[in-house]
Amino acid sequence: MADQVTTSLAQAKVLVMEGQKGADGDPGPQGEQGIPGANGVSPVVTFAEITVGDRTGNRMTVTDADHPSGQSINILNGKDGEGGGSSVTVDSALSTASTNPVQNKVITAELNDVKDDLHTAQYDIADIQEDLVNIPTFNEMNAAIDRKYTKPSGGIPKTDLASDVQTSLGKADTALQQHQSLAGYATETWVNQQGFLKQHQDISGKADKVLRVAMTASDTTPTLDPNKLYVFPEMATLTPTLAAPTDNTIVNEYHFVFDSGSTATVLTLPATILQPDGFTVEANMHYEVSILEGAMTAQGWAVTA
């Protein structure tokens, strides 16, 4: 116990005797310059081609004084890319069969056409709707049918008549309303000079009888006289020639009949003769042909083969 008290008193004495820290002293003199170091050596960089597995590349090696054996790094090339795709055909027109892509401008043009069609259709629908509005109702049509025309007391106005009737009346209004002079028309003297008939004249012996002429199958190119009836049997071909009339003051008719068998007769008339539109000779028919004033008429009847 006495020792602990003694120690405490000693420490207290030391604490009482320690003063405050003094000011820093002056700097000391500069030391001597050290010996210069040796010159450095530049590193050496080399490259060498290498192959690592299925890849190629280069090995870069750096050698310097601190690393005389060198330090290396491998720089490998990337793997080869996959093969490019096949060429693609781009169509220049729309198609329901092609599976190829199509040009943008083609699609745009088609869409514009559809837009124009829709725009036009809108106007068409509007016109139709307007027409439907103007269609009379069933009751209105019945009323129009039942309505009767009431004749005005002063007569039917021209405006109530049909357009063609009004046109005819207009022509009648401008027609001659009095005797028209015949000056300059044909005179009796002129008619006599031309030999025209002025009244009934006796023509007995000229057209009161018709001669019947029987023909054979071998008469394929006959010459027909006017005002005679030529009767041909069944004919394979028939090419008649028309004889010139000897008297032009009478009617000159070329008249003949023939039969067309199981194979239709080939009938050939002079090119100057007018024939009915679409006329053809058919098989198993009986024909009657008349040629008058350069025009042909024909009638056919079916016969039993």
C-alpha atoms as a PDB file:
ATOM      1  CA  MET A   1       0.000   0.000   0.000  1.00  0.00           C
ATOM      2  CA  ALA A   2       2.922   2.332   0.850  1.00  0.00           C
ATOM      3  CA  ASP A   3       4.571   1.472  -2.516  1.00  0.00           C
ATOM      4  CA  GLN A   4       1.464   2.453  -4.544  1.00  0.00           C
ATOM      5  CA  VAL A   5       1.261   5.822  -2.818  1.00  0.00           C
ATOM      6  CA  THR A   6       4.924   6.517  -3.479  1.00  0.00           C
ATOM      7  CA  THR A   7       4.529   5.751  -7.208  1.00  0.00           C
ATOM      8  CA  SER A   8       1.502   8.006  -7.547  1.00  0.00           C
ATOM      9  CA  LEU A   9       3.347  10.878  -5.952  1.00  0.00           C
ATOM     10  CA  ALA A  10       6.254  10.440  -8.322  1.00  0.00           C
ATOM     11  CA  GLN A  11       3.950  10.541 -11.382  1.00  0.00           C
ATOM     12  CA  ALA A  12       2.266  13.633 -10.101  1.00  0.00           C
ATOM     13  CA  LYS A  13       5.618  15.260  -9.765  1.00  0.00           C
ATOM     14  CA  VAL A  14       6.546  14.523 -13.362  1.00  0.00           C
ATOM     15  CA  LEU A  15       3.247  15.895 -14.629  1.00  0.00           C
ATOM     16  CA  VAL A  16       3.706  19.099 -12.812  1.00  0.00           C
ATOM     17  CA  MET A  17       7.215  19.572 -14.136  1.00  0.00           C
ATOM     18  CA  GLU A  18       6.469  18.981 -18.007  1.00  0.00           C
ATOM     19  CA  GLY A  19       6.174  22.360 -19.854  1.00  0.00           C
ATOM     20  CA  GLN A  20       4.597  23.422 -23.243  1.00  0.00           C
ATOM     21  CA  LYS A  21       6.125  22.371 -26.668  1.00  0.00           C
ATOM     22  CA  GLY A  22       8.726  24.751 -28.002  1.00  0.00           C
ATOM     23  CA  ALA A  23       8.905  26.319 -31.519  1.00  0.00           C
ATOM     24  CA  ASP A  24      10.259  24.321 -34.526  1.00  0.00           C
ATOM     25  CA  GLY A  25      13.989  24.593 -35.035  1.00  0.00           C
ATOM     26  CA  ASP A  26      15.651  25.981 -38.228  1.00  0.00           C
ATOM     27  CA  PRO A  27      15.970  23.617 -41.241  1.00  0.00           C
ATOM     28  CA  GLY A  28      19.176  21.703 -41.523  1.00  0.00           C
ATOM     29  CA  PRO A  29      21.622  22.080 -44.492  1.00  0.00           C
ATOM     30  CA  GLN A  30      20.746  20.399 -47.947  1.00  0.00           C
ATOM     31  CA  GLY A  31      22.115  16.945 -48.417  1.00  0.00           C
ATOM     32  CA  GLU A  32      24.534  16.008 -51.231  1.00  0.00           C
ATOM     33  CA  GLN A  33      23.158  15.038 -54.760  1.00  0.00           C
ATOM     34  CA  GLY A  34      22.949  11.328 -55.321  1.00  0.00           C
ATOM     35  CA  ILE A  35      24.824   9.443 -58.098  1.00  0.00           C
ATOM     36  CA  PRO A  36      22.912   9.477 -61.520  1.00  0.00           C
ATOM     37  CA  GLY A  37      21.220   6.212 -62.457  1.00  0.00           C
ATOM     38  CA  ALA A  38      22.159   4.127 -65.540  1.00  0.00           C
ATOM     39  CA  ASN A  39      20.480   4.869 -68.931  1.00  0.00           C
ATOM     40  CA  GLY A  40      17.266   2.915 -69.601  1.00  0.00           C
ATOM     41  CA  VAL A  41      16.946   0.358 -72.467  1.00  0.00           C
ATOM     42  CA  SER A  42      13.989   0.530 -74.942  1.00  0.00           C
ATOM     43  CA  PRO A  43      11.874  -2.640 -75.027  1.00  0.00           C
ATOM     44  CA  VAL A  44      11.873  -4.845 -78.209  1.00  0.00           C
ATOM     45  CA  VAL A  45       8.451  -5.839 -79.707  1.00  0.00           C
ATOM     46  CA  THR A  46       8.251  -8.779 -82.144  1.00  0.00           C
ATOM     47  CA  PHE A  47       5.325 -10.478 -83.935  1.00  0.00           C
ATOM     48  CA  ALA A  48       5.028 -14.084 -85.129  1.00  0.00           C
ATOM     49  CA  GLU A  49       2.162 -15.914 -86.889  1.00  0.00           C
ATOM     50  CA  ILE A  50       0.586 -18.660 -84.806  1.00  0.00           C
ATOM     51  CA  THR A  51      -2.218 -21.219 -85.026  1.00  0.00           C
ATOM     52  CA  VAL A  52      -4.254 -22.150 -81.991  1.00  0.00           C
ATOM     53  CA  GLY A  53      -6.749 -24.937 -82.685  1.00  0.00           C
ATOM     54  CA  ASP A  54      -8.772 -23.940 -85.759  1.00  0.00           C
ATOM     55  CA  ARG A  55      -7.893 -20.238 -85.435  1.00  0.00           C
ATOM     56  CA  THR A  56      -4.906 -18.256 -86.715  1.00  0.00           C
ATOM     57  CA  GLY A  57      -3.362 -15.011 -85.504  1.00  0.00           C
ATOM     58  CA  ASN A  58      -0.204 -13.317 -84.270  1.00  0.00           C
ATOM     59  CA  ARG A  59       1.858 -13.565 -81.056  1.00  0.00           C
ATOM     60  CA  MET A  60       3.223 -10.220 -79.846  1.00  0.00           C
ATOM     61  CA  THR A  61       6.337 -10.537 -77.594  1.00  0.00           C
ATOM     62  CA  VAL A  62       7.848  -7.612 -75.587  1.00  0.00           C
ATOM     63  CA  THR A  63      11.470  -7.994 -74.322  1.00  0.00           C
ATOM     64  CA  ASP A  64      13.311  -5.515 -72.105  1.00  0.00           C
ATOM     65  CA  ALA A  65      16.116  -5.530 -69.541  1.00  0.00           C
ATOM     66  CA  ASP A  66      13.816  -6.495 -66.714  1.00  0.00           C
ATOM     67  CA  HIS A  67      12.182  -9.232 -68.808  1.00  0.00           C
ATOM     68  CA  PRO A  68      14.938 -10.734 -70.948  1.00  0.00           C
ATOM     69  CA  SER A  69      12.801 -13.802 -71.751  1.00  0.00           C
ATOM     70  CA  GLY A  70      10.009 -11.516 -72.940  1.00  0.00           C
ATOM     71  CA  GLN A  71       6.333 -11.358 -72.181  1.00  0.00           C
ATOM     72  CA  SER A  72       3.905 -12.462 -74.882  1.00  0.00           C
ATOM     73  CA  ILE A  73       0.237 -12.046 -75.795  1.00  0.00           C
ATOM     74  CA  ASN A  74      -1.654 -13.984 -78.501  1.00  0.00           C
ATOM     75  CA  ILE A  75      -3.865 -11.960 -80.860  1.00  0.00           C
ATOM     76  CA  LEU A  76      -6.135 -14.481 -82.648  1.00  0.00           C
ATOM     77  CA  ASN A  77      -8.309 -13.776 -85.699  1.00  0.00           C
ATOM     78  CA  GLY A  78     -12.079 -14.171 -85.349  1.00  0.00           C
ATOM     79  CA  LYS A  79     -13.808 -17.242 -86.754  1.00  0.00           C
ATOM     80  CA  ASP A  80     -14.883 -17.157 -90.380  1.00  0.00           C
ATOM     81  CA  GLY A  81     -18.399 -15.826 -90.838  1.00  0.00           C
ATOM     82  CA  GLU A  82     -21.185 -18.051 -92.074  1.00  0.00           C
ATOM     83  CA  GLY A  83     -21.816 -18.217 -95.838  1.00  0.00           C
ATOM     84  CA  GLY A  84     -23.969 -15.451 -97.339  1.00  0.00           C
ATOM     85  CA  GLY A  85     -27.607 -16.115 -98.276  1.00  0.00           C
ATOM     86  CA  SER A  86     -28.817 -16.854-101.818  1.00  0.00           C
ATOM     87  CA  SER A  87     -29.918 -14.005-104.118  1.00  0.00           C
ATOM     88  CA  VAL A  88     -33.505 -12.786-103.746  1.00  0.00           C
ATOM     89  CA  THR A  89     -35.764 -11.977-106.743  1.00  0.00           C
ATOM     90  CA  VAL A  90     -37.943  -8.910-106.203  1.00  0.00           C
ATOM     91  CA  ASP A  91     -41.006  -8.711-108.461  1.00  0.00           C
ATOM     92  CA  SER A  92     -41.979  -5.489-110.262  1.00  0.00           C
ATOM     93  CA  ALA A  93     -45.688  -6.373-110.450  1.00  0.00           C
ATOM     94  CA  LEU A  94     -48.294  -7.931-108.206  1.00  0.00           C
ATOM     95  CA  SER A  95     -49.098 -11.587-108.834  1.00  0.00           C
ATOM     96  CA  THR A  96     -51.413 -14.233-107.424  1.00  0.00           C
ATOM     97  CA  ALA A  97     -48.893 -16.962-108.239  1.00  0.00           C
ATOM     98  CA  SER A  98     -45.472 -15.523-107.288  1.00  0.00           C
ATOM     99  CA  THR A  99     -44.054 -16.031-103.762  1.00  0.00           C
ATOM    100  CA  ASN A 100     -41.312 -13.404-104.246  1.00  0.00           C
ATOM    101  CA  PRO A 101     -41.270 -10.047-102.436  1.00  0.00           C
ATOM    102  CA  VAL A 102     -42.547  -7.096-104.470  1.00  0.00           C
ATOM    103  CA  GLN A 103     -41.259  -3.536-104.885  1.00  0.00           C
ATOM    104  CA  ASN A 104     -42.610  -0.955-102.475  1.00  0.00           C
ATOM    105  CA  LYS A 105     -43.585   1.436-105.293  1.00  0.00           C
ATOM    106  CA  VAL A 106     -45.738  -1.276-106.921  1.00  0.00           C
ATOM    107  CA  ILE A 107     -47.712  -1.810-103.719  1.00  0.00           C
ATOM    108  CA  THR A 108     -48.053   1.950-103.249  1.00  0.00           C
ATOM    109  CA  ALA A 109     -49.409   2.381-106.787  1.00  0.00           C
ATOM    110  CA  GLU A 110     -51.973  -0.378-106.256  1.00  0.00           C
ATOM    111  CA  LEU A 111     -53.101   1.121-102.970  1.00  0.00           C
ATOM    112  CA  ASN A 112     -53.506   4.506-104.655  1.00  0.00           C
ATOM    113  CA  ASP A 113     -55.650   2.887-107.361  1.00  0.00           C
ATOM    114  CA  VAL A 114     -57.841   1.268-104.722  1.00  0.00           C
ATOM    115  CA  LYS A 115     -58.147   4.605-102.950  1.00  0.00           C
ATOM    116  CA  ASP A 116     -59.213   6.294-106.211  1.00  0.00           C
ATOM    117  CA  ASP A 117     -61.745   3.519-106.901  1.00  0.00           C
ATOM    118  CA  LEU A 118     -63.199   3.888-103.413  1.00  0.00           C
ATOM    119  CA  HIS A 119     -63.398   7.640-103.902  1.00  0.00           C
ATOM    120  CA  THR A 120     -65.259   7.161-107.207  1.00  0.00           C
ATOM    121  CA  ALA A 121     -67.521   4.536-105.655  1.00  0.00           C
ATOM    122  CA  GLN A 122     -68.536   7.007-102.988  1.00  0.00           C
ATOM    123  CA  TYR A 123     -69.852   9.352-105.675  1.00  0.00           C
ATOM    124  CA  ASP A 124     -71.593   6.446-107.481  1.00  0.00           C
ATOM    125  CA  ILE A 125     -73.316   5.396-104.268  1.00  0.00           C
ATOM    126  CA  ALA A 126     -74.353   8.989-103.648  1.00  0.00           C
ATOM    127  CA  ASP A 127     -75.880   9.188-107.146  1.00  0.00           C
ATOM    128  CA  ILE A 128     -77.727   5.907-106.609  1.00  0.00           C
ATOM    129  CA  GLN A 129     -79.064   7.106-103.287  1.00  0.00           C
ATOM    130  CA  GLU A 130     -80.259  10.311-104.934  1.00  0.00           C
ATOM    131  CA  ASP A 131     -81.969   8.307-107.701  1.00  0.00           C
ATOM    132  CA  LEU A 132     -83.628   6.062-105.139  1.00  0.00           C
ATOM    133  CA  VAL A 133     -85.007   9.098-103.372  1.00  0.00           C
ATOM    134  CA  ASN A 134     -86.536  10.311-106.659  1.00  0.00           C
ATOM    135  CA  ILE A 135     -88.255   6.994-107.456  1.00  0.00           C
ATOM    136  CA  PRO A 136     -91.997   7.412-106.977  1.00  0.00           C
ATOM    137  CA  THR A 137     -93.691   5.339-104.329  1.00  0.00           C
ATOM    138  CA  PHE A 138     -96.107   2.525-105.134  1.00  0.00           C
ATOM    139  CA  ASN A 139     -99.061   4.736-104.251  1.00  0.00           C
ATOM    140  CA  GLU A 140     -97.736   7.547-106.453  1.00  0.00           C
ATOM    141  CA  MET A 141     -97.383   5.175-109.433  1.00  0.00           C
ATOM    142  CA  ASN A 142    -100.895   3.828-108.911  1.00  0.00           C
ATOM    143  CA  ALA A 143    -102.250   7.370-108.762  1.00  0.00           C
ATOM    144  CA  ALA A 144    -100.461   8.204-112.032  1.00  0.00           C
ATOM    145  CA  ILE A 145    -101.937   5.124-113.713  1.00  0.00           C
ATOM    146  CA  ASP A 146    -105.457   5.929-112.550  1.00  0.00           C
ATOM    147  CA  ARG A 147    -105.177   9.563-113.569  1.00  0.00           C
ATOM    148  CA  LYS A 148    -107.186  10.379-116.723  1.00  0.00           C
ATOM    149  CA  TYR A 149    -106.493  13.086-119.269  1.00  0.00           C
ATOM    150  CA  THR A 150    -108.995  15.912-119.225  1.00  0.00           C
ATOM    151  CA  LYS A 151    -109.403  17.503-122.623  1.00  0.00           C
ATOM    152  CA  PRO A 152    -109.381  21.295-122.419  1.00  0.00           C
ATOM    153  CA  SER A 153    -112.481  23.043-123.755  1.00  0.00           C
ATOM    154  CA  GLY A 154    -110.402  24.819-126.419  1.00  0.00           C
ATOM    155  CA  GLY A 155    -108.891  21.588-127.768  1.00  0.00           C
ATOM    156  CA  ILE A 156    -105.710  19.600-127.015  1.00  0.00           C
ATOM    157  CA  PRO A 157    -102.672  21.882-126.768  1.00  0.00           C
ATOM    158  CA  LYS A 158     -99.795  21.001-129.015  1.00  0.00           C
ATOM    159  CA  THR A 159     -97.509  20.722-125.983  1.00  0.00           C
ATOM    160  CA  ASP A 160     -99.610  17.814-124.645  1.00  0.00           C
ATOM    161  CA  LEU A 161     -98.913  15.730-127.747  1.00  0.00           C
ATOM    162  CA  ALA A 162     -96.058  13.251-128.143  1.00  0.00           C
ATOM    163  CA  SER A 163     -92.802  14.689-129.467  1.00  0.00           C
ATOM    164  CA  ASP A 164     -93.019  12.835-132.813  1.00  0.00           C
ATOM    165  CA  VAL A 165     -96.583  14.089-133.322  1.00  0.00           C
ATOM    166  CA  GLN A 166     -95.431  17.644-132.625  1.00  0.00           C
ATOM    167  CA  THR A 167     -92.665  17.189-135.211  1.00  0.00           C
ATOM    168  CA  SER A 168     -95.183  15.998-137.829  1.00  0.00           C
ATOM    169  CA  LEU A 169     -97.479  18.943-137.131  1.00  0.00           C
ATOM    170  CA  GLY A 170     -94.534  21.276-137.510  1.00  0.00           C
ATOM    171  CA  LYS A 171     -93.841  19.852-140.964  1.00  0.00           C
ATOM    172  CA  ALA A 172     -97.517  20.193-141.887  1.00  0.00           C
ATOM    173  CA  ASP A 173     -97.435  23.861-140.922  1.00  0.00           C
ATOM    174  CA  THR A 174     -94.700  24.474-143.508  1.00  0.00           C
ATOM    175  CA  ALA A 175     -96.248  22.327-146.261  1.00  0.00           C
ATOM    176  CA  LEU A 176     -97.739  23.859-149.389  1.00  0.00           C
ATOM    177  CA  GLN A 177    -101.249  25.095-148.729  1.00  0.00           C
ATOM    178  CA  GLN A 178    -102.180  25.897-152.347  1.00  0.00           C
ATOM    179  CA  HIS A 179    -101.730  24.701-155.937  1.00  0.00           C
ATOM    180  CA  GLN A 180     -98.107  24.160-156.908  1.00  0.00           C
ATOM    181  CA  SER A 181     -96.949  24.971-160.416  1.00  0.00           C
ATOM    182  CA  LEU A 182     -95.916  21.960-162.560  1.00  0.00           C
ATOM    183  CA  ALA A 183     -93.783  24.037-164.858  1.00  0.00           C
ATOM    184  CA  GLY A 184     -90.626  22.170-165.782  1.00  0.00           C
ATOM    185  CA  TYR A 185     -92.096  18.726-165.119  1.00  0.00           C
ATOM    186  CA  ALA A 186     -92.467  15.989-167.790  1.00  0.00           C
ATOM    187  CA  THR A 187     -94.772  16.918-170.700  1.00  0.00           C
ATOM    188  CA  GLU A 188     -96.776  14.545-172.871  1.00  0.00           C
ATOM    189  CA  THR A 189     -94.426  15.205-175.812  1.00  0.00           C
ATOM    190  CA  TRP A 190     -91.410  14.222-173.708  1.00  0.00           C
ATOM    191  CA  VAL A 191     -93.146  11.059-172.454  1.00  0.00           C
ATOM    192  CA  ASN A 192     -93.913  10.018-176.059  1.00  0.00           C
ATOM    193  CA  GLN A 193     -90.327  10.648-177.088  1.00  0.00           C
ATOM    194  CA  GLN A 194     -89.087   8.385-174.309  1.00  0.00           C
ATOM    195  CA  GLY A 195     -91.509   5.594-175.317  1.00  0.00           C
ATOM    196  CA  PHE A 196     -93.100   5.416-171.855  1.00  0.00           C
ATOM    197  CA  LEU A 197     -96.590   3.884-171.465  1.00  0.00           C
ATOM    198  CA  LYS A 198     -99.298   6.429-170.849  1.00  0.00           C
ATOM    199  CA  GLN A 199    -102.215   3.975-170.562  1.00  0.00           C
ATOM    200  CA  HIS A 200    -103.021   0.281-170.699  1.00  0.00           C
ATOM    201  CA  GLN A 201    -101.535  -1.477-173.711  1.00  0.00           C
ATOM    202  CA  ASP A 202    -102.194  -5.016-174.924  1.00  0.00           C
ATOM    203  CA  ILE A 203     -99.319  -7.339-174.053  1.00  0.00           C
ATOM    204  CA  SER A 204    -101.081 -10.614-174.841  1.00  0.00           C
ATOM    205  CA  GLY A 205     -98.729 -13.243-176.186  1.00  0.00           C
ATOM    206  CA  LYS A 206     -95.847 -11.846-174.187  1.00  0.00           C
ATOM    207  CA  ALA A 207     -96.499 -12.932-170.607  1.00  0.00           C
ATOM    208  CA  ASP A 208     -99.635 -15.040-170.679  1.00  0.00           C
ATOM    209  CA  LYS A 209     -97.766 -18.345-170.960  1.00  0.00           C
ATOM    210  CA  VAL A 210     -94.709 -19.799-169.191  1.00  0.00           C
ATOM    211  CA  LEU A 211     -92.676 -22.599-170.772  1.00  0.00           C
ATOM    212  CA  ARG A 212     -91.614 -25.511-168.517  1.00  0.00           C
ATOM    213  CA  VAL A 213     -88.127 -26.886-169.310  1.00  0.00           C
ATOM    214  CA  ALA A 214     -87.097 -30.238-167.826  1.00  0.00           C
ATOM    215  CA  MET A 215     -83.363 -30.479-167.002  1.00  0.00           C
ATOM    216  CA  THR A 216     -81.059 -33.384-166.095  1.00  0.00           C
ATOM    217  CA  ALA A 217     -78.433 -33.920-163.392  1.00  0.00           C
ATOM    218  CA  SER A 218     -75.716 -33.330-165.986  1.00  0.00           C
ATOM    219  CA  ASP A 219     -76.985 -29.787-166.706  1.00  0.00           C
ATOM    220  CA  THR A 220     -74.714 -28.253-164.089  1.00  0.00           C
ATOM    221  CA  THR A 221     -73.844 -25.069-166.049  1.00  0.00           C
ATOM    222  CA  PRO A 222     -77.036 -24.166-167.943  1.00  0.00           C
ATOM    223  CA  THR A 223     -77.936 -20.871-169.606  1.00  0.00           C
ATOM    224  CA  LEU A 224     -81.354 -19.736-168.405  1.00  0.00           C
ATOM    225  CA  ASP A 225     -83.719 -17.686-170.545  1.00  0.00           C
ATOM    226  CA  PRO A 226     -86.145 -15.304-168.869  1.00  0.00           C
ATOM    227  CA  ASN A 227     -89.807 -16.161-168.364  1.00  0.00           C
ATOM    228  CA  LYS A 228     -89.273 -19.923-168.419  1.00  0.00           C
ATOM    229  CA  LEU A 229     -89.477 -22.417-165.571  1.00  0.00           C
ATOM    230  CA  TYR A 230     -86.428 -24.728-165.441  1.00  0.00           C
ATOM    231  CA  VAL A 231     -86.995 -27.906-163.416  1.00  0.00           C
ATOM    232  CA  PHE A 232     -83.805 -29.594-162.192  1.00  0.00           C
ATOM    233  CA  PRO A 233     -83.587 -32.963-160.403  1.00  0.00           C
ATOM    234  CA  GLU A 234     -81.275 -33.558-157.431  1.00  0.00           C
ATOM    235  CA  MET A 235     -78.092 -31.604-158.184  1.00  0.00           C
ATOM    236  CA  ALA A 236     -74.611 -31.853-156.685  1.00  0.00           C
ATOM    237  CA  THR A 237     -73.607 -28.482-158.199  1.00  0.00           C
ATOM    238  CA  LEU A 238     -75.540 -25.855-160.138  1.00  0.00           C
ATOM    239  CA  THR A 239     -73.944 -22.811-161.787  1.00  0.00           C
ATOM    240  CA  PRO A 240     -76.503 -21.101-164.063  1.00  0.00           C
ATOM    241  CA  THR A 241     -75.812 -18.229-166.458  1.00  0.00           C
ATOM    242  CA  LEU A 242     -78.596 -15.726-167.183  1.00  0.00           C
ATOM    243  CA  ALA A 243     -79.275 -14.976-170.859  1.00  0.00           C
ATOM    244  CA  ALA A 244     -79.869 -11.327-171.737  1.00  0.00           C
ATOM    245  CA  PRO A 245     -83.578 -10.513-172.260  1.00  0.00           C
ATOM    246  CA  THR A 246     -84.725  -9.667-175.784  1.00  0.00           C
ATOM    247  CA  ASP A 247     -87.602  -7.412-174.712  1.00  0.00           C
ATOM    248  CA  ASN A 248     -87.085  -4.886-171.952  1.00  0.00           C
ATOM    249  CA  THR A 249     -90.700  -3.628-172.061  1.00  0.00           C
ATOM    250  CA  ILE A 250     -91.903  -6.665-170.150  1.00  0.00           C
ATOM    251  CA  VAL A 251     -91.035  -8.303-166.846  1.00  0.00           C
ATOM    252  CA  ASN A 252     -88.098 -10.696-167.292  1.00  0.00           C
ATOM    253  CA  GLU A 253     -87.944 -13.325-164.553  1.00  0.00           C
ATOM    254  CA  TYR A 254     -85.408 -16.164-164.280  1.00  0.00           C
ATOM    255  CA  HIS A 255     -87.185 -19.031-162.560  1.00  0.00           C
ATOM    256  CA  PHE A 256     -85.915 -22.500-161.626  1.00  0.00           C
ATOM    257  CA  VAL A 257     -86.379 -25.287-159.065  1.00  0.00           C
ATOM    258  CA  PHE A 258     -83.992 -28.025-157.892  1.00  0.00           C
ATOM    259  CA  ASP A 259     -83.531 -30.668-155.216  1.00  0.00           C
ATOM    260  CA  SER A 260     -80.640 -30.712-152.709  1.00  0.00           C
ATOM    261  CA  GLY A 261     -79.751 -34.290-151.633  1.00  0.00           C
ATOM    262  CA  SER A 262     -78.051 -35.706-148.545  1.00  0.00           C
ATOM    263  CA  THR A 263     -75.079 -33.528-149.477  1.00  0.00           C
ATOM    264  CA  ALA A 264     -76.135 -29.910-149.934  1.00  0.00           C
ATOM    265  CA  THR A 265     -76.104 -28.604-153.518  1.00  0.00           C
ATOM    266  CA  VAL A 266     -73.364 -26.089-154.290  1.00  0.00           C
ATOM    267  CA  LEU A 267     -75.300 -23.227-155.933  1.00  0.00           C
ATOM    268  CA  THR A 268     -73.222 -20.499-157.625  1.00  0.00           C
ATOM    269  CA  LEU A 269     -75.019 -17.476-159.099  1.00  0.00           C
ATOM    270  CA  PRO A 270     -73.514 -14.597-161.114  1.00  0.00           C
ATOM    271  CA  ALA A 271     -71.706 -12.111-158.884  1.00  0.00           C
ATOM    272  CA  THR A 272     -74.068  -9.309-159.928  1.00  0.00           C
ATOM    273  CA  ILE A 273     -77.122 -11.038-158.425  1.00  0.00           C
ATOM    274  CA  LEU A 274     -78.222  -9.812-154.998  1.00  0.00           C
ATOM    275  CA  GLN A 275     -78.929 -12.684-152.576  1.00  0.00           C
ATOM    276  CA  PRO A 276     -80.828 -12.697-149.261  1.00  0.00           C
ATOM    277  CA  ASP A 277     -78.569 -12.149-146.254  1.00  0.00           C
ATOM    278  CA  GLY A 278     -77.356 -15.427-144.799  1.00  0.00           C
ATOM    279  CA  PHE A 279     -78.854 -17.583-147.565  1.00  0.00           C
ATOM    280  CA  THR A 280     -77.302 -21.058-147.841  1.00  0.00           C
ATOM    281  CA  VAL A 281     -78.451 -24.256-149.508  1.00  0.00           C
ATOM    282  CA  GLU A 282     -79.117 -27.034-147.006  1.00  0.00           C
ATOM    283  CA  ALA A 283     -79.249 -30.810-147.482  1.00  0.00           C
ATOM    284  CA  ASN A 284     -82.515 -32.730-148.146  1.00  0.00           C
ATOM    285  CA  MET A 285     -84.432 -29.666-149.342  1.00  0.00           C
ATOM    286  CA  HIS A 286     -86.507 -28.711-152.403  1.00  0.00           C
ATOM    287  CA  TYR A 287     -85.832 -25.133-153.564  1.00  0.00           C
ATOM    288  CA  GLU A 288     -87.648 -22.653-155.804  1.00  0.00           C
ATOM    289  CA  VAL A 289     -85.526 -19.697-156.959  1.00  0.00           C
ATOM    290  CA  SER A 290     -86.675 -16.506-158.695  1.00  0.00           C
ATOM    291  CA  ILE A 291     -84.380 -13.759-159.998  1.00  0.00           C
ATOM    292  CA  LEU A 292     -86.120 -10.507-160.852  1.00  0.00           C
ATOM    293  CA  GLU A 293     -84.479  -7.162-161.563  1.00  0.00           C
ATOM    294  CA  GLY A 294     -81.117  -8.526-160.424  1.00  0.00           C
ATOM    295  CA  ALA A 295     -82.379  -9.689-157.027  1.00  0.00           C
ATOM    296  CA  MET A 296     -82.884 -13.275-155.922  1.00  0.00           C
ATOM    297  CA  THR A 297     -85.639 -14.723-153.759  1.00  0.00           C
ATOM    298  CA  ALA A 298     -85.707 -18.348-152.684  1.00  0.00           C
ATOM    299  CA  GLN A 299     -88.001 -20.710-150.815  1.00  0.00           C
ATOM    300  CA  GLY A 300     -87.055 -24.130-149.469  1.00  0.00           C
ATOM    301  CA  TRP A 301     -89.087 -27.135-148.296  1.00  0.00           C
ATOM    302  CA  ALA A 302     -87.704 -30.131-146.440  1.00  0.00           C
ATOM    303  CA  VAL A 303     -87.979 -33.463-148.282  1.00  0.00           C
ATOM    304  CA  THR A 304     -87.691 -36.997-146.929  1.00  0.00           C
ATOM    305  CA  ALA A 305     -84.380 -38.546-147.875  1.00  0.00           C
END
